[in-house]
Amino acid sequence: MLENVEVVFRLHVSHRVLAGLVASKSSLVLVICGFFDAVINGKGGHVTLFQHSIDLILAASNVIVSLQQLVSCEANPLDSQP
């Protein structure tokens, strides 16, 4: 991804390392890929009393757009994904 880069250092706080100490590892650290389930609950209503409903479609679409923004900020569209 990064041209002419041989190594990357990152700083992270961990409960496994005492305050004031620095730890290192020569392989991948804190790399994770995970899955999650999301449940979005709504409350139906009538068009004449819409202010008493919770629009499930609007809430779900906001979640989708927010997740897409995270992905688009992290992934280079020119890199192919397997």
C-alpha atoms as a PDB file:
ATOM      1  CA  MET A   1       0.000   0.000   0.000  1.00  0.00           C
ATOM      2  CA  LEU A   2       2.708   2.475   0.945  1.00  0.00           C
ATOM      3  CA  GLU A   3       5.561   2.851  -1.497  1.00  0.00           C
ATOM      4  CA  ASN A   4       9.138   2.594  -0.177  1.00  0.00           C
ATOM      5  CA  VAL A   5       8.002   1.717   3.362  1.00  0.00           C
ATOM      6  CA  GLU A   6       9.790  -1.120   5.089  1.00  0.00           C
ATOM      7  CA  VAL A   7       8.338  -0.869   8.581  1.00  0.00           C
ATOM      8  CA  VAL A   8       5.528   0.890  10.414  1.00  0.00           C
ATOM      9  CA  PHE A   9       5.520   1.678  14.125  1.00  0.00           C
ATOM     10  CA  ARG A  10       2.331   2.363  16.031  1.00  0.00           C
ATOM     11  CA  LEU A  11       1.740   3.405  19.601  1.00  0.00           C
ATOM     12  CA  HIS A  12      -0.956   1.737  21.658  1.00  0.00           C
ATOM     13  CA  VAL A  13      -1.786   1.597  25.353  1.00  0.00           C
ATOM     14  CA  SER A  14      -2.314  -1.879  26.780  1.00  0.00           C
ATOM     15  CA  HIS A  15      -3.322  -3.177  30.171  1.00  0.00           C
ATOM     16  CA  ARG A  16      -0.726  -5.915  29.686  1.00  0.00           C
ATOM     17  CA  VAL A  17       2.208  -3.477  29.867  1.00  0.00           C
ATOM     18  CA  LEU A  18       2.891  -1.557  33.068  1.00  0.00           C
ATOM     19  CA  ALA A  19       2.835   2.238  32.980  1.00  0.00           C
ATOM     20  CA  GLY A  20       6.219   3.681  32.040  1.00  0.00           C
ATOM     21  CA  LEU A  21       7.326   0.597  30.077  1.00  0.00           C
ATOM     22  CA  VAL A  22       7.532   0.042  26.330  1.00  0.00           C
ATOM     23  CA  ALA A  23       6.995  -3.355  24.723  1.00  0.00           C
ATOM     24  CA  SER A  24       7.577  -4.454  21.156  1.00  0.00           C
ATOM     25  CA  LYS A  25       6.942  -7.429  18.921  1.00  0.00           C
ATOM     26  CA  SER A  26       8.375  -8.216  15.488  1.00  0.00           C
ATOM     27  CA  SER A  27       5.115  -9.485  13.999  1.00  0.00           C
ATOM     28  CA  LEU A  28       1.551  -8.275  13.611  1.00  0.00           C
ATOM     29  CA  VAL A  29       0.004  -6.920  16.775  1.00  0.00           C
ATOM     30  CA  LEU A  30      -3.600  -5.879  17.386  1.00  0.00           C
ATOM     31  CA  VAL A  31      -4.767  -6.900  13.925  1.00  0.00           C
ATOM     32  CA  ILE A  32      -8.359  -8.059  13.904  1.00  0.00           C
ATOM     33  CA  CYS A  33     -11.149  -8.812  11.523  1.00  0.00           C
ATOM     34  CA  GLY A  34     -14.524  -9.293  13.102  1.00  0.00           C
ATOM     35  CA  PHE A  35     -18.204  -9.571  12.456  1.00  0.00           C
ATOM     36  CA  PHE A  36     -21.136  -8.166  14.351  1.00  0.00           C
ATOM     37  CA  ASP A  37     -24.907  -8.225  14.231  1.00  0.00           C
ATOM     38  CA  ALA A  38     -26.908  -5.049  14.576  1.00  0.00           C
ATOM     39  CA  VAL A  39     -30.568  -4.890  15.519  1.00  0.00           C
ATOM     40  CA  ILE A  40     -32.394  -1.680  14.685  1.00  0.00           C
ATOM     41  CA  ASN A  41     -35.839  -1.347  16.191  1.00  0.00           C
ATOM     42  CA  GLY A  42     -38.438   1.037  14.873  1.00  0.00           C
ATOM     43  CA  LYS A  43     -41.964   2.018  15.746  1.00  0.00           C
ATOM     44  CA  GLY A  44     -44.607   2.119  13.056  1.00  0.00           C
ATOM     45  CA  GLY A  45     -47.020   4.942  12.659  1.00  0.00           C
ATOM     46  CA  HIS A  46     -49.569   6.551  10.399  1.00  0.00           C
ATOM     47  CA  VAL A  47     -48.696   9.328   8.003  1.00  0.00           C
ATOM     48  CA  THR A  48     -50.969  11.712   9.917  1.00  0.00           C
ATOM     49  CA  LEU A  49     -49.158  10.961  13.204  1.00  0.00           C
ATOM     50  CA  PHE A  50     -45.656  10.494  11.855  1.00  0.00           C
ATOM     51  CA  GLN A  51     -44.140  12.414  14.761  1.00  0.00           C
ATOM     52  CA  HIS A  52     -45.029   9.464  17.043  1.00  0.00           C
ATOM     53  CA  SER A  53     -43.192   6.888  14.949  1.00  0.00           C
ATOM     54  CA  ILE A  54     -39.534   5.884  14.760  1.00  0.00           C
ATOM     55  CA  ASP A  55     -38.520   5.604  11.104  1.00  0.00           C
ATOM     56  CA  LEU A  56     -36.713   2.278  10.829  1.00  0.00           C
ATOM     57  CA  ILE A  57     -35.783   2.809   7.172  1.00  0.00           C
ATOM     58  CA  LEU A  58     -34.162   6.164   7.904  1.00  0.00           C
ATOM     59  CA  ALA A  59     -32.255   4.749  10.892  1.00  0.00           C
ATOM     60  CA  ALA A  60     -31.009   1.734   8.912  1.00  0.00           C
ATOM     61  CA  SER A  61     -29.970   3.872   5.952  1.00  0.00           C
ATOM     62  CA  ASN A  62     -27.969   6.153   8.273  1.00  0.00           C
ATOM     63  CA  VAL A  63     -26.141   3.103   9.637  1.00  0.00           C
ATOM     64  CA  ILE A  64     -25.353   1.901   6.108  1.00  0.00           C
ATOM     65  CA  VAL A  65     -24.038   5.300   5.004  1.00  0.00           C
ATOM     66  CA  SER A  66     -21.931   5.647   8.179  1.00  0.00           C
ATOM     67  CA  LEU A  67     -20.387   2.196   7.719  1.00  0.00           C
ATOM     68  CA  GLN A  68     -19.672   2.927   4.065  1.00  0.00           C
ATOM     69  CA  GLN A  69     -17.896   6.133   5.049  1.00  0.00           C
ATOM     70  CA  LEU A  70     -15.662   4.144   7.393  1.00  0.00           C
ATOM     71  CA  VAL A  71     -14.825   1.657   4.647  1.00  0.00           C
ATOM     72  CA  SER A  72     -14.190   4.302   2.008  1.00  0.00           C
ATOM     73  CA  CYS A  73     -11.844   6.184   4.334  1.00  0.00           C
ATOM     74  CA  GLU A  74      -9.788   3.064   5.055  1.00  0.00           C
ATOM     75  CA  ALA A  75      -9.679   1.290   1.698  1.00  0.00           C
ATOM     76  CA  ASN A  76      -7.968   2.454  -1.455  1.00  0.00           C
ATOM     77  CA  PRO A  77     -10.475   1.960  -4.304  1.00  0.00           C
ATOM     78  CA  LEU A  78      -7.595   1.168  -6.663  1.00  0.00           C
ATOM     79  CA  ASP A  79      -6.525  -1.868  -4.578  1.00  0.00           C
ATOM     80  CA  SER A  80      -8.398  -5.051  -5.451  1.00  0.00           C
ATOM     81  CA  GLN A  81      -9.969  -6.918  -2.541  1.00  0.00           C
ATOM     82  CA  PRO A  82     -10.082 -10.752  -2.567  1.00  0.00           C
END
